Amino acid sequence: MDGDLFVAAIRRRFEATPSLAPEKAWIAGRASADGTAVILYSDGRGRLRGRRWVLDRLAARFAPHDAQSLADDVYPNEVIEPDGPMTPLDVDWADGLVEDPSRVGWVVNTWTHDDPPAPG
């Protein structure tokens, strides 16, 4: 799974379909060598939301497993749908992506994370 392609595909979806969730705006994203991808977006209420996916785990749930197809599945179901509660986590996932990573509220759900740390 190419994490960089996955993140780029999610970003393209934000840019190509702003009418699906006009209140949400892309902020930043990246893939990491540990096989995860992180995206950050604003929710239109002054809050910064973060999502993190363990890509191999995510890919195992879908077919086809390529980055574009996974992004096509994740974007409407994870990003466009109403967000779940945000959890402050003491993690480094947003370091270097935004000025103050502690502002990120993480939308945590069990099928997209491998044992996230306990809330800070």
PDB file of N, CA and C in Angstrom:
ATOM      1  N   MET A   1       0.840  -1.174   0.000  1.00  0.00           N
ATOM      2  CA  MET A   1       0.000   0.000   0.000  1.00  0.00           C
ATOM      3  C   MET A   1       0.886   1.239   0.000  1.00  0.00           C
ATOM      4  N   ASP A   2       0.649   2.126  -0.924  1.00  0.00           N
ATOM      5  CA  ASP A   2       1.421   3.359  -1.020  1.00  0.00           C
ATOM      6  C   ASP A   2       0.713   4.451  -0.218  1.00  0.00           C
ATOM      7  N   GLY A   3       1.230   4.727   0.962  1.00  0.00           N
ATOM      8  CA  GLY A   3       0.617   5.709   1.846  1.00  0.00           C
ATOM      9  C   GLY A   3       0.590   7.110   1.271  1.00  0.00           C
ATOM     10  N   ASP A   4       1.648   7.485   0.552  1.00  0.00           N
ATOM     11  CA  ASP A   4       1.676   8.820  -0.046  1.00  0.00           C
ATOM     12  C   ASP A   4       0.563   8.979  -1.074  1.00  0.00           C
ATOM     13  N   LEU A   5       0.326   7.940  -1.860  1.00  0.00           N
ATOM     14  CA  LEU A   5      -0.764   7.993  -2.836  1.00  0.00           C
ATOM     15  C   LEU A   5      -2.122   8.054  -2.147  1.00  0.00           C
ATOM     16  N   PHE A   6      -2.271   7.334  -1.050  1.00  0.00           N
ATOM     17  CA  PHE A   6      -3.515   7.355  -0.284  1.00  0.00           C
ATOM     18  C   PHE A   6      -3.807   8.769   0.221  1.00  0.00           C
ATOM     19  N   VAL A   7      -2.820   9.395   0.843  1.00  0.00           N
ATOM     20  CA  VAL A   7      -3.002  10.751   1.370  1.00  0.00           C
ATOM     21  C   VAL A   7      -3.291  11.728   0.233  1.00  0.00           C
ATOM     22  N   ALA A   8      -2.558  11.617  -0.865  1.00  0.00           N
ATOM     23  CA  ALA A   8      -2.787  12.501  -2.010  1.00  0.00           C
ATOM     24  C   ALA A   8      -4.193  12.315  -2.575  1.00  0.00           C
ATOM     25  N   ALA A   9      -4.671  11.085  -2.606  1.00  0.00           N
ATOM     26  CA  ALA A   9      -6.019  10.819  -3.123  1.00  0.00           C
ATOM     27  C   ALA A   9      -7.089  11.417  -2.215  1.00  0.00           C
ATOM     28  N   ILE A  10      -6.895  11.349  -0.910  1.00  0.00           N
ATOM     29  CA  ILE A  10      -7.851  11.967   0.022  1.00  0.00           C
ATOM     30  C   ILE A  10      -7.846  13.486  -0.184  1.00  0.00           C
ATOM     31  N   ARG A  11      -6.660  14.052  -0.318  1.00  0.00           N
ATOM     32  CA  ARG A  11      -6.583  15.500  -0.538  1.00  0.00           C
ATOM     33  C   ARG A  11      -7.297  15.893  -1.825  1.00  0.00           C
ATOM     34  N   ARG A  12      -7.090  15.125  -2.879  1.00  0.00           N
ATOM     35  CA  ARG A  12      -7.773  15.420  -4.147  1.00  0.00           C
ATOM     36  C   ARG A  12      -9.287  15.374  -3.978  1.00  0.00           C
ATOM     37  N   ARG A  13      -9.779  14.433  -3.166  1.00  0.00           N
ATOM     38  CA  ARG A  13     -11.226  14.348  -2.920  1.00  0.00           C
ATOM     39  C   ARG A  13     -11.729  15.608  -2.223  1.00  0.00           C
ATOM     40  N   PHE A  14     -10.990  16.111  -1.244  1.00  0.00           N
ATOM     41  CA  PHE A  14     -11.366  17.373  -0.595  1.00  0.00           C
ATOM     42  C   PHE A  14     -11.470  18.486  -1.634  1.00  0.00           C
ATOM     43  N   GLU A  15     -10.472  18.562  -2.508  1.00  0.00           N
ATOM     44  CA  GLU A  15     -10.407  19.645  -3.486  1.00  0.00           C
ATOM     45  C   GLU A  15     -11.440  19.498  -4.590  1.00  0.00           C
ATOM     46  N   ALA A  16     -11.742  18.266  -4.991  1.00  0.00           N
ATOM     47  CA  ALA A  16     -12.640  18.033  -6.122  1.00  0.00           C
ATOM     48  C   ALA A  16     -14.117  18.063  -5.742  1.00  0.00           C
ATOM     49  N   THR A  17     -14.433  17.813  -4.480  1.00  0.00           N
ATOM     50  CA  THR A  17     -15.842  17.703  -4.090  1.00  0.00           C
ATOM     51  C   THR A  17     -16.155  18.540  -2.848  1.00  0.00           C
ATOM     52  N   PRO A  18     -15.856  19.837  -2.885  1.00  0.00           N
ATOM     53  CA  PRO A  18     -16.110  20.648  -1.692  1.00  0.00           C
ATOM     54  C   PRO A  18     -17.586  20.735  -1.328  1.00  0.00           C
ATOM     55  N   SER A  19     -18.465  20.527  -2.273  1.00  0.00           N
ATOM     56  CA  SER A  19     -19.900  20.633  -1.977  1.00  0.00           C
ATOM     57  C   SER A  19     -20.404  19.479  -1.111  1.00  0.00           C
ATOM     58  N   LEU A  20     -19.659  18.377  -1.034  1.00  0.00           N
ATOM     59  CA  LEU A  20     -20.098  17.252  -0.205  1.00  0.00           C
ATOM     60  C   LEU A  20     -20.042  17.582   1.280  1.00  0.00           C
ATOM     61  N   ALA A  21     -19.094  18.385   1.663  1.00  0.00           N
ATOM     62  CA  ALA A  21     -18.964  18.806   3.066  1.00  0.00           C
ATOM     63  C   ALA A  21     -18.316  20.187   3.078  1.00  0.00           C
ATOM     64  N   PRO A  22     -19.084  21.209   2.693  1.00  0.00           N
ATOM     65  CA  PRO A  22     -18.486  22.541   2.541  1.00  0.00           C
ATOM     66  C   PRO A  22     -17.890  23.112   3.821  1.00  0.00           C
ATOM     67  N   GLU A  23     -18.302  22.594   4.962  1.00  0.00           N
ATOM     68  CA  GLU A  23     -17.767  23.091   6.226  1.00  0.00           C
ATOM     69  C   GLU A  23     -16.386  22.525   6.540  1.00  0.00           C
ATOM     70  N   LYS A  24     -15.985  21.489   5.843  1.00  0.00           N
ATOM     71  CA  LYS A  24     -14.702  20.838   6.124  1.00  0.00           C
ATOM     72  C   LYS A  24     -13.653  21.278   5.107  1.00  0.00           C
ATOM     73  N   ALA A  25     -12.447  21.517   5.595  1.00  0.00           N
ATOM     74  CA  ALA A  25     -11.363  21.963   4.722  1.00  0.00           C
ATOM     75  C   ALA A  25     -10.079  21.205   5.053  1.00  0.00           C
ATOM     76  N   TRP A  26      -9.409  20.761   4.004  1.00  0.00           N
ATOM     77  CA  TRP A  26      -8.122  20.079   4.136  1.00  0.00           C
ATOM     78  C   TRP A  26      -7.119  21.008   4.809  1.00  0.00           C
ATOM     79  N   ILE A  27      -6.367  20.477   5.750  1.00  0.00           N
ATOM     80  CA  ILE A  27      -5.289  21.224   6.391  1.00  0.00           C
ATOM     81  C   ILE A  27      -3.940  20.608   6.029  1.00  0.00           C
ATOM     82  N   ALA A  28      -3.762  19.321   6.278  1.00  0.00           N
ATOM     83  CA  ALA A  28      -2.471  18.678   6.020  1.00  0.00           C
ATOM     84  C   ALA A  28      -2.634  17.168   6.101  1.00  0.00           C
ATOM     85  N   GLY A  29      -1.623  16.479   5.626  1.00  0.00           N
ATOM     86  CA  GLY A  29      -1.622  15.026   5.726  1.00  0.00           C
ATOM     87  C   GLY A  29      -0.256  14.471   5.394  1.00  0.00           C
ATOM     88  N   ARG A  30      -0.048  13.227   5.789  1.00  0.00           N
ATOM     89  CA  ARG A  30       1.209  12.556   5.443  1.00  0.00           C
ATOM     90  C   ARG A  30       1.073  11.063   5.705  1.00  0.00           C
ATOM     91  N   ALA A  31       1.913  10.338   5.009  1.00  0.00           N
ATOM     92  CA  ALA A  31       2.079   8.906   5.261  1.00  0.00           C
ATOM     93  C   ALA A  31       3.388   8.745   6.021  1.00  0.00           C
ATOM     94  N   SER A  32       3.444   7.735   6.857  1.00  0.00           N
ATOM     95  CA  SER A  32       4.644   7.484   7.655  1.00  0.00           C
ATOM     96  C   SER A  32       5.238   6.126   7.322  1.00  0.00           C
ATOM     97  N   ALA A  33       6.507   5.980   7.636  1.00  0.00           N
ATOM     98  CA  ALA A  33       7.217   4.728   7.363  1.00  0.00           C
ATOM     99  C   ALA A  33       6.643   3.555   8.148  1.00  0.00           C
ATOM    100  N   ASP A  34       5.904   3.834   9.219  1.00  0.00           N
ATOM    101  CA  ASP A  34       5.317   2.748  10.014  1.00  0.00           C
ATOM    102  C   ASP A  34       4.041   2.177   9.400  1.00  0.00           C
ATOM    103  N   GLY A  35       3.682   2.649   8.189  1.00  0.00           N
ATOM    104  CA  GLY A  35       2.511   2.117   7.501  1.00  0.00           C
ATOM    105  C   GLY A  35       1.205   2.796   7.869  1.00  0.00           C
ATOM    106  N   THR A  36       1.300   3.990   8.435  1.00  0.00           N
ATOM    107  CA  THR A  36       0.097   4.733   8.783  1.00  0.00           C
ATOM    108  C   THR A  36      -0.028   5.975   7.916  1.00  0.00           C
ATOM    109  N   ALA A  37      -1.236   6.506   7.880  1.00  0.00           N
ATOM    110  CA  ALA A  37      -1.507   7.770   7.201  1.00  0.00           C
ATOM    111  C   ALA A  37      -2.320   8.638   8.142  1.00  0.00           C
ATOM    112  N   VAL A  38      -2.029   9.930   8.122  1.00  0.00           N
ATOM    113  CA  VAL A  38      -2.718  10.908   8.959  1.00  0.00           C
ATOM    114  C   VAL A  38      -3.243  12.013   8.062  1.00  0.00           C
ATOM    115  N   ILE A  39      -4.474  12.441   8.312  1.00  0.00           N
ATOM    116  CA  ILE A  39      -4.976  13.653   7.678  1.00  0.00           C
ATOM    117  C   ILE A  39      -5.536  14.558   8.764  1.00  0.00           C
ATOM    118  N   LEU A  40      -5.423  15.851   8.517  1.00  0.00           N
ATOM    119  CA  LEU A  40      -5.967  16.867   9.407  1.00  0.00           C
ATOM    120  C   LEU A  40      -6.880  17.761   8.589  1.00  0.00           C
ATOM    121  N   TYR A  41      -8.019  18.116   9.160  1.00  0.00           N
ATOM    122  CA  TYR A  41      -8.938  19.016   8.478  1.00  0.00           C
ATOM    123  C   TYR A  41      -9.692  19.848   9.502  1.00  0.00           C
ATOM    124  N   SER A  42     -10.145  21.023   9.057  1.00  0.00           N
ATOM    125  CA  SER A  42     -10.960  21.856   9.936  1.00  0.00           C
ATOM    126  C   SER A  42     -12.410  21.459   9.732  1.00  0.00           C
ATOM    127  N   ASP A  43     -13.196  21.624  10.780  1.00  0.00           N
ATOM    128  CA  ASP A  43     -14.589  21.180  10.710  1.00  0.00           C
ATOM    129  C   ASP A  43     -15.581  22.326  10.555  1.00  0.00           C
ATOM    130  N   GLY A  44     -15.093  23.545  10.311  1.00  0.00           N
ATOM    131  CA  GLY A  44     -15.980  24.676  10.123  1.00  0.00           C
ATOM    132  C   GLY A  44     -16.445  25.312  11.423  1.00  0.00           C
ATOM    133  N   ARG A  45     -16.032  24.770  12.538  1.00  0.00           N
ATOM    134  CA  ARG A  45     -16.406  25.312  13.846  1.00  0.00           C
ATOM    135  C   ARG A  45     -15.162  25.727  14.641  1.00  0.00           C
ATOM    136  N   GLY A  46     -14.079  25.948  13.916  1.00  0.00           N
ATOM    137  CA  GLY A  46     -12.844  26.356  14.569  1.00  0.00           C
ATOM    138  C   GLY A  46     -12.065  25.219  15.193  1.00  0.00           C
ATOM    139  N   ARG A  47     -12.497  23.993  14.925  1.00  0.00           N
ATOM    140  CA  ARG A  47     -11.801  22.837  15.502  1.00  0.00           C
ATOM    141  C   ARG A  47     -10.970  22.149  14.434  1.00  0.00           C
ATOM    142  N   LEU A  48      -9.876  21.602  14.868  1.00  0.00           N
ATOM    143  CA  LEU A  48      -8.976  20.858  13.998  1.00  0.00           C
ATOM    144  C   LEU A  48      -9.147  19.380  14.305  1.00  0.00           C
ATOM    145  N   ARG A  49      -9.535  18.619  13.292  1.00  0.00           N
ATOM    146  CA  ARG A  49      -9.783  17.187  13.468  1.00  0.00           C
ATOM    147  C   ARG A  49      -8.674  16.393  12.800  1.00  0.00           C
ATOM    148  N   GLY A  50      -8.329  15.276  13.418  1.00  0.00           N
ATOM    149  CA  GLY A  50      -7.324  14.391  12.862  1.00  0.00           C
ATOM    150  C   GLY A  50      -7.859  12.977  12.750  1.00  0.00           C
ATOM    151  N   ARG A  51      -7.430  12.319  11.702  1.00  0.00           N
ATOM    152  CA  ARG A  51      -7.732  10.896  11.524  1.00  0.00           C
ATOM    153  C   ARG A  51      -6.442  10.192  11.160  1.00  0.00           C
ATOM    154  N   ARG A  52      -6.313   8.988  11.665  1.00  0.00           N
ATOM    155  CA  ARG A  52      -5.115   8.182  11.403  1.00  0.00           C
ATOM    156  C   ARG A  52      -5.570   6.783  11.038  1.00  0.00           C
ATOM    157  N   TRP A  53      -4.970   6.243   9.999  1.00  0.00           N
ATOM    158  CA  TRP A  53      -5.295   4.894   9.561  1.00  0.00           C
ATOM    159  C   TRP A  53      -4.046   4.027   9.535  1.00  0.00           C
ATOM    160  N   VAL A  54      -4.158   2.821  10.015  1.00  0.00           N
ATOM    161  CA  VAL A  54      -3.133   1.799   9.836  1.00  0.00           C
ATOM    162  C   VAL A  54      -3.474   1.157   8.493  1.00  0.00           C
ATOM    163  N   LEU A  55      -2.681   1.447   7.483  1.00  0.00           N
ATOM    164  CA  LEU A  55      -3.080   1.160   6.110  1.00  0.00           C
ATOM    165  C   LEU A  55      -3.236  -0.324   5.798  1.00  0.00           C
ATOM    166  N   ASP A  56      -2.358  -1.171   6.293  1.00  0.00           N
ATOM    167  CA  ASP A  56      -2.514  -2.607   6.028  1.00  0.00           C
ATOM    168  C   ASP A  56      -3.802  -3.135   6.641  1.00  0.00           C
ATOM    169  N   ARG A  57      -4.110  -2.662   7.824  1.00  0.00           N
ATOM    170  CA  ARG A  57      -5.345  -3.077   8.491  1.00  0.00           C
ATOM    171  C   ARG A  57      -6.567  -2.581   7.716  1.00  0.00           C
ATOM    172  N   LEU A  58      -6.505  -1.351   7.249  1.00  0.00           N
ATOM    173  CA  LEU A  58      -7.588  -0.791   6.452  1.00  0.00           C
ATOM    174  C   LEU A  58      -7.743  -1.545   5.137  1.00  0.00           C
ATOM    175  N   ALA A  59      -6.630  -1.798   4.461  1.00  0.00           N
ATOM    176  CA  ALA A  59      -6.671  -2.476   3.165  1.00  0.00           C
ATOM    177  C   ALA A  59      -7.256  -3.874   3.273  1.00  0.00           C
ATOM    178  N   ALA A  60      -7.048  -4.524   4.400  1.00  0.00           N
ATOM    179  CA  ALA A  60      -7.568  -5.883   4.580  1.00  0.00           C
ATOM    180  C   ALA A  60      -9.095  -5.918   4.589  1.00  0.00           C
ATOM    181  N   ARG A  61      -9.731  -4.790   4.816  1.00  0.00           N
ATOM    182  CA  ARG A  61     -11.191  -4.726   4.902  1.00  0.00           C
ATOM    183  C   ARG A  61     -11.863  -4.383   3.582  1.00  0.00           C
ATOM    184  N   PHE A  62     -11.082  -4.050   2.568  1.00  0.00           N
ATOM    185  CA  PHE A  62     -11.652  -3.601   1.305  1.00  0.00           C
ATOM    186  C   PHE A  62     -11.009  -4.318   0.126  1.00  0.00           C
ATOM    187  N   ALA A  63     -11.724  -4.347  -0.958  1.00  0.00           N
ATOM    188  CA  ALA A  63     -11.181  -4.812  -2.224  1.00  0.00           C
ATOM    189  C   ALA A  63     -11.749  -3.883  -3.291  1.00  0.00           C
ATOM    190  N   PRO A  64     -10.958  -3.401  -4.195  1.00  0.00           N
ATOM    191  CA  PRO A  64      -9.515  -3.591  -4.298  1.00  0.00           C
ATOM    192  C   PRO A  64      -8.764  -2.859  -3.185  1.00  0.00           C
ATOM    193  N   HIS A  65      -7.485  -3.182  -3.078  1.00  0.00           N
ATOM    194  CA  HIS A  65      -6.664  -2.695  -1.970  1.00  0.00           C
ATOM    195  C   HIS A  65      -5.738  -1.542  -2.348  1.00  0.00           C
ATOM    196  N   ASP A  66      -5.868  -1.002  -3.546  1.00  0.00           N
ATOM    197  CA  ASP A  66      -4.948   0.063  -3.956  1.00  0.00           C
ATOM    198  C   ASP A  66      -5.300   1.376  -3.260  1.00  0.00           C
ATOM    199  N   ALA A  67      -4.355   2.291  -3.252  1.00  0.00           N
ATOM    200  CA  ALA A  67      -4.492   3.547  -2.513  1.00  0.00           C
ATOM    201  C   ALA A  67      -5.695   4.362  -2.973  1.00  0.00           C
ATOM    202  N   GLN A  68      -5.894   4.480  -4.263  1.00  0.00           N
ATOM    203  CA  GLN A  68      -7.012   5.280  -4.778  1.00  0.00           C
ATOM    204  C   GLN A  68      -8.354   4.683  -4.366  1.00  0.00           C
ATOM    205  N   SER A  69      -8.497   3.378  -4.495  1.00  0.00           N
ATOM    206  CA  SER A  69      -9.756   2.723  -4.119  1.00  0.00           C
ATOM    207  C   SER A  69     -10.036   2.871  -2.631  1.00  0.00           C
ATOM    208  N   LEU A  70      -9.007   2.724  -1.806  1.00  0.00           N
ATOM    209  CA  LEU A  70      -9.196   2.898  -0.362  1.00  0.00           C
ATOM    210  C   LEU A  70      -9.595   4.331  -0.033  1.00  0.00           C
ATOM    211  N   ALA A  71      -8.957   5.292  -0.675  1.00  0.00           N
ATOM    212  CA  ALA A  71      -9.321   6.691  -0.446  1.00  0.00           C
ATOM    213  C   ALA A  71     -10.763   6.941  -0.874  1.00  0.00           C
ATOM    214  N   ASP A  72     -11.172   6.344  -1.983  1.00  0.00           N
ATOM    215  CA  ASP A  72     -12.551   6.492  -2.451  1.00  0.00           C
ATOM    216  C   ASP A  72     -13.546   5.915  -1.455  1.00  0.00           C
ATOM    217  N   ASP A  73     -13.168   4.858  -0.752  1.00  0.00           N
ATOM    218  CA  ASP A  73     -14.040   4.266   0.269  1.00  0.00           C
ATOM    219  C   ASP A  73     -14.017   5.066   1.571  1.00  0.00           C
ATOM    220  N   VAL A  74     -12.847   5.495   1.973  1.00  0.00           N
ATOM    221  CA  VAL A  74     -12.680   6.171   3.258  1.00  0.00           C
ATOM    222  C   VAL A  74     -13.270   7.579   3.244  1.00  0.00           C
ATOM    223  N   TYR A  75     -13.068   8.314   2.180  1.00  0.00           N
ATOM    224  CA  TYR A  75     -13.481   9.717   2.162  1.00  0.00           C
ATOM    225  C   TYR A  75     -14.971   9.904   2.469  1.00  0.00           C
ATOM    226  N   PRO A  76     -15.873   9.243   1.775  1.00  0.00           N
ATOM    227  CA  PRO A  76     -17.292   9.480   2.099  1.00  0.00           C
ATOM    228  C   PRO A  76     -17.717   8.897   3.441  1.00  0.00           C
ATOM    229  N   ASN A  77     -17.093   7.829   3.860  1.00  0.00           N
ATOM    230  CA  ASN A  77     -17.523   7.147   5.083  1.00  0.00           C
ATOM    231  C   ASN A  77     -16.836   7.642   6.346  1.00  0.00           C
ATOM    232  N   GLU A  78     -15.622   8.118   6.229  1.00  0.00           N
ATOM    233  CA  GLU A  78     -14.863   8.553   7.400  1.00  0.00           C
ATOM    234  C   GLU A  78     -14.774  10.072   7.511  1.00  0.00           C
ATOM    235  N   VAL A  79     -14.725  10.755   6.393  1.00  0.00           N
ATOM    236  CA  VAL A  79     -14.503  12.196   6.421  1.00  0.00           C
ATOM    237  C   VAL A  79     -15.797  12.974   6.207  1.00  0.00           C
ATOM    238  N   ILE A  80     -16.573  12.593   5.221  1.00  0.00           N
ATOM    239  CA  ILE A  80     -17.795  13.328   4.891  1.00  0.00           C
ATOM    240  C   ILE A  80     -18.905  13.079   5.894  1.00  0.00           C
ATOM    241  N   GLU A  81     -19.055  11.854   6.335  1.00  0.00           N
ATOM    242  CA  GLU A  81     -20.106  11.541   7.311  1.00  0.00           C
ATOM    243  C   GLU A  81     -19.895  12.361   8.576  1.00  0.00           C
ATOM    244  N   PRO A  82     -20.945  12.556   9.352  1.00  0.00           N
ATOM    245  CA  PRO A  82     -20.760  13.304  10.602  1.00  0.00           C
ATOM    246  C   PRO A  82     -19.637  12.701  11.439  1.00  0.00           C
ATOM    247  N   ASP A  83     -18.816  13.583  11.963  1.00  0.00           N
ATOM    248  CA  ASP A  83     -17.676  13.139  12.752  1.00  0.00           C
ATOM    249  C   ASP A  83     -18.111  12.642  14.114  1.00  0.00           C
ATOM    250  N   GLY A  84     -17.390  11.674  14.592  1.00  0.00           N
ATOM    251  CA  GLY A  84     -17.606  11.209  15.949  1.00  0.00           C
ATOM    252  C   GLY A  84     -16.959  12.166  16.928  1.00  0.00           C
ATOM    253  N   PRO A  85     -17.018  11.830  18.189  1.00  0.00           N
ATOM    254  CA  PRO A  85     -16.387  12.695  19.185  1.00  0.00           C
ATOM    255  C   PRO A  85     -14.874  12.734  18.990  1.00  0.00           C
ATOM    256  N   MET A  86     -14.311  13.860  19.357  1.00  0.00           N
ATOM    257  CA  MET A  86     -12.865  14.005  19.272  1.00  0.00           C
ATOM    258  C   MET A  86     -12.246  13.678  20.621  1.00  0.00           C
ATOM    259  N   THR A  87     -11.070  13.063  20.550  1.00  0.00           N
ATOM    260  CA  THR A  87     -10.356  12.661  21.752  1.00  0.00           C
ATOM    261  C   THR A  87      -8.972  13.290  21.729  1.00  0.00           C
ATOM    262  N   PRO A  88      -8.587  14.006  22.774  1.00  0.00           N
ATOM    263  CA  PRO A  88      -7.204  14.489  22.820  1.00  0.00           C
ATOM    264  C   PRO A  88      -6.285  13.307  23.127  1.00  0.00           C
ATOM    265  N   LEU A  89      -5.273  13.137  22.319  1.00  0.00           N
ATOM    266  CA  LEU A  89      -4.324  12.046  22.520  1.00  0.00           C
ATOM    267  C   LEU A  89      -2.919  12.617  22.629  1.00  0.00           C
ATOM    268  N   ASP A  90      -2.122  12.051  23.487  1.00  0.00           N
ATOM    269  CA  ASP A  90      -0.737  12.457  23.648  1.00  0.00           C
ATOM    270  C   ASP A  90       0.105  11.651  22.666  1.00  0.00           C
ATOM    271  N   VAL A  91       0.046  12.076  21.391  1.00  0.00           N
ATOM    272  CA  VAL A  91       0.742  11.373  20.312  1.00  0.00           C
ATOM    273  C   VAL A  91       1.502  12.393  19.469  1.00  0.00           C
ATOM    274  N   ASP A  92       2.395  11.893  18.628  1.00  0.00           N
ATOM    275  CA  ASP A  92       3.169  12.785  17.767  1.00  0.00           C
ATOM    276  C   ASP A  92       2.670  12.777  16.324  1.00  0.00           C
ATOM    277  N   TRP A  93       1.487  12.268  16.086  1.00  0.00           N
ATOM    278  CA  TRP A  93       0.977  12.073  14.733  1.00  0.00           C
ATOM    279  C   TRP A  93       0.881  13.359  13.924  1.00  0.00           C
ATOM    280  N   ALA A  94       0.621  14.496  14.561  1.00  0.00           N
ATOM    281  CA  ALA A  94       0.468  15.763  13.839  1.00  0.00           C
ATOM    282  C   ALA A  94       1.707  16.648  13.928  1.00  0.00           C
ATOM    283  N   ASP A  95       2.753  16.162  14.586  1.00  0.00           N
ATOM    284  CA  ASP A  95       3.977  16.957  14.701  1.00  0.00           C
ATOM    285  C   ASP A  95       4.502  17.313  13.314  1.00  0.00           C
ATOM    286  N   GLY A  96       4.803  18.592  13.116  1.00  0.00           N
ATOM    287  CA  GLY A  96       5.325  19.049  11.838  1.00  0.00           C
ATOM    288  C   GLY A  96       4.259  19.338  10.798  1.00  0.00           C
ATOM    289  N   LEU A  97       3.017  18.973  11.068  1.00  0.00           N
ATOM    290  CA  LEU A  97       1.938  19.247  10.115  1.00  0.00           C
ATOM    291  C   LEU A  97       1.225  20.558  10.420  1.00  0.00           C
ATOM    292  N   VAL A  98       1.152  20.905  11.691  1.00  0.00           N
ATOM    293  CA  VAL A  98       0.522  22.153  12.120  1.00  0.00           C
ATOM    294  C   VAL A  98       1.376  22.774  13.215  1.00  0.00           C
ATOM    295  N   GLU A  99       1.176  24.066  13.421  1.00  0.00           N
ATOM    296  CA  GLU A  99       1.990  24.784  14.405  1.00  0.00           C
ATOM    297  C   GLU A  99       1.811  24.243  15.819  1.00  0.00           C
ATOM    298  N   ASP A 100       0.568  23.928  16.188  1.00  0.00           N
ATOM    299  CA  ASP A 100       0.291  23.450  17.541  1.00  0.00           C
ATOM    300  C   ASP A 100      -0.439  22.105  17.477  1.00  0.00           C
ATOM    301  N   PRO A 101       0.301  21.003  17.418  1.00  0.00           N
ATOM    302  CA  PRO A 101      -0.329  19.684  17.307  1.00  0.00           C
ATOM    303  C   PRO A 101      -1.263  19.343  18.466  1.00  0.00           C
ATOM    304  N   SER A 102      -1.097  19.993  19.598  1.00  0.00           N
ATOM    305  CA  SER A 102      -1.976  19.691  20.734  1.00  0.00           C
ATOM    306  C   SER A 102      -3.408  20.163  20.498  1.00  0.00           C
ATOM    307  N   ARG A 103      -3.629  21.011  19.494  1.00  0.00           N
ATOM    308  CA  ARG A 103      -4.982  21.467  19.149  1.00  0.00           C
ATOM    309  C   ARG A 103      -5.786  20.409  18.405  1.00  0.00           C
ATOM    310  N   VAL A 104      -5.134  19.387  17.908  1.00  0.00           N
ATOM    311  CA  VAL A 104      -5.829  18.376  17.105  1.00  0.00           C
ATOM    312  C   VAL A 104      -6.669  17.488  18.010  1.00  0.00           C
ATOM    313  N   GLY A 105      -7.938  17.373  17.660  1.00  0.00           N
ATOM    314  CA  GLY A 105      -8.814  16.394  18.299  1.00  0.00           C
ATOM    315  C   GLY A 105      -8.891  15.193  17.378  1.00  0.00           C
ATOM    316  N   TRP A 106      -8.608  14.032  17.888  1.00  0.00           N
ATOM    317  CA  TRP A 106      -8.546  12.825  17.059  1.00  0.00           C
ATOM    318  C   TRP A 106      -9.887  12.111  17.062  1.00  0.00           C
ATOM    319  N   VAL A 107     -10.351  11.786  15.876  1.00  0.00           N
ATOM    320  CA  VAL A 107     -11.551  10.971  15.729  1.00  0.00           C
ATOM    321  C   VAL A 107     -11.062   9.530  15.726  1.00  0.00           C
ATOM    322  N   VAL A 108     -11.291   8.855  16.810  1.00  0.00           N
ATOM    323  CA  VAL A 108     -10.757   7.507  17.007  1.00  0.00           C
ATOM    324  C   VAL A 108     -11.876   6.504  16.828  1.00  0.00           C
ATOM    325  N   ASN A 109     -11.656   5.537  15.957  1.00  0.00           N
ATOM    326  CA  ASN A 109     -12.564   4.403  15.890  1.00  0.00           C
ATOM    327  C   ASN A 109     -11.758   3.134  15.714  1.00  0.00           C
ATOM    328  N   THR A 110     -12.295   2.062  16.201  1.00  0.00           N
ATOM    329  CA  THR A 110     -11.510   0.838  16.378  1.00  0.00           C
ATOM    330  C   THR A 110     -11.009   0.220  15.088  1.00  0.00           C
ATOM    331  N   TRP A 111     -11.680   0.410  13.995  1.00  0.00           N
ATOM    332  CA  TRP A 111     -11.211  -0.281  12.792  1.00  0.00           C
ATOM    333  C   TRP A 111     -10.170   0.499  12.017  1.00  0.00           C
ATOM    334  N   THR A 112      -9.865   1.710  12.424  1.00  0.00           N
ATOM    335  CA  THR A 112      -8.830   2.470  11.722  1.00  0.00           C
ATOM    336  C   THR A 112      -7.574   2.699  12.549  1.00  0.00           C
ATOM    337  N   HIS A 113      -7.529   2.182  13.749  1.00  0.00           N
ATOM    338  CA  HIS A 113      -6.368   2.411  14.609  1.00  0.00           C
ATOM    339  C   HIS A 113      -5.908   1.109  15.237  1.00  0.00           C
ATOM    340  N   ASP A 114      -4.620   0.972  15.354  1.00  0.00           N
ATOM    341  CA  ASP A 114      -4.044  -0.128  16.119  1.00  0.00           C
ATOM    342  C   ASP A 114      -3.763   0.380  17.518  1.00  0.00           C
ATOM    343  N   ASP A 115      -4.598  -0.006  18.440  1.00  0.00           N
ATOM    344  CA  ASP A 115      -4.410   0.313  19.855  1.00  0.00           C
ATOM    345  C   ASP A 115      -3.921   1.737  20.097  1.00  0.00           C
ATOM    346  N   PRO A 116      -4.778   2.747  19.853  1.00  0.00           N
ATOM    347  CA  PRO A 116      -4.332   4.115  20.115  1.00  0.00           C
ATOM    348  C   PRO A 116      -4.050   4.309  21.597  1.00  0.00           C
ATOM    349  N   PRO A 117      -3.172   5.242  21.913  1.00  0.00           N
ATOM    350  CA  PRO A 117      -2.875   5.510  23.321  1.00  0.00           C
ATOM    351  C   PRO A 117      -4.127   5.968  24.061  1.00  0.00           C
ATOM    352  N   ALA A 118      -4.108   5.829  25.345  1.00  0.00           N
ATOM    353  CA  ALA A 118      -5.229   6.290  26.167  1.00  0.00           C
ATOM    354  C   ALA A 118      -5.317   7.807  26.086  1.00  0.00           C
ATOM    355  N   PRO A 119      -6.529   8.369  26.199  1.00  0.00           N
ATOM    356  CA  PRO A 119      -6.679   9.828  26.169  1.00  0.00           C
ATOM    357  C   PRO A 119      -5.775  10.492  27.201  1.00  0.00           C
ATOM    358  N   GLY A 120      -5.219  11.671  26.792  1.00  0.00           N
ATOM    359  CA  GLY A 120      -4.272  12.399  27.613  1.00  0.00           C
ATOM    360  C   GLY A 120      -4.907  13.039  28.757  1.00  0.00           C
TER     361      GLY A 120
END
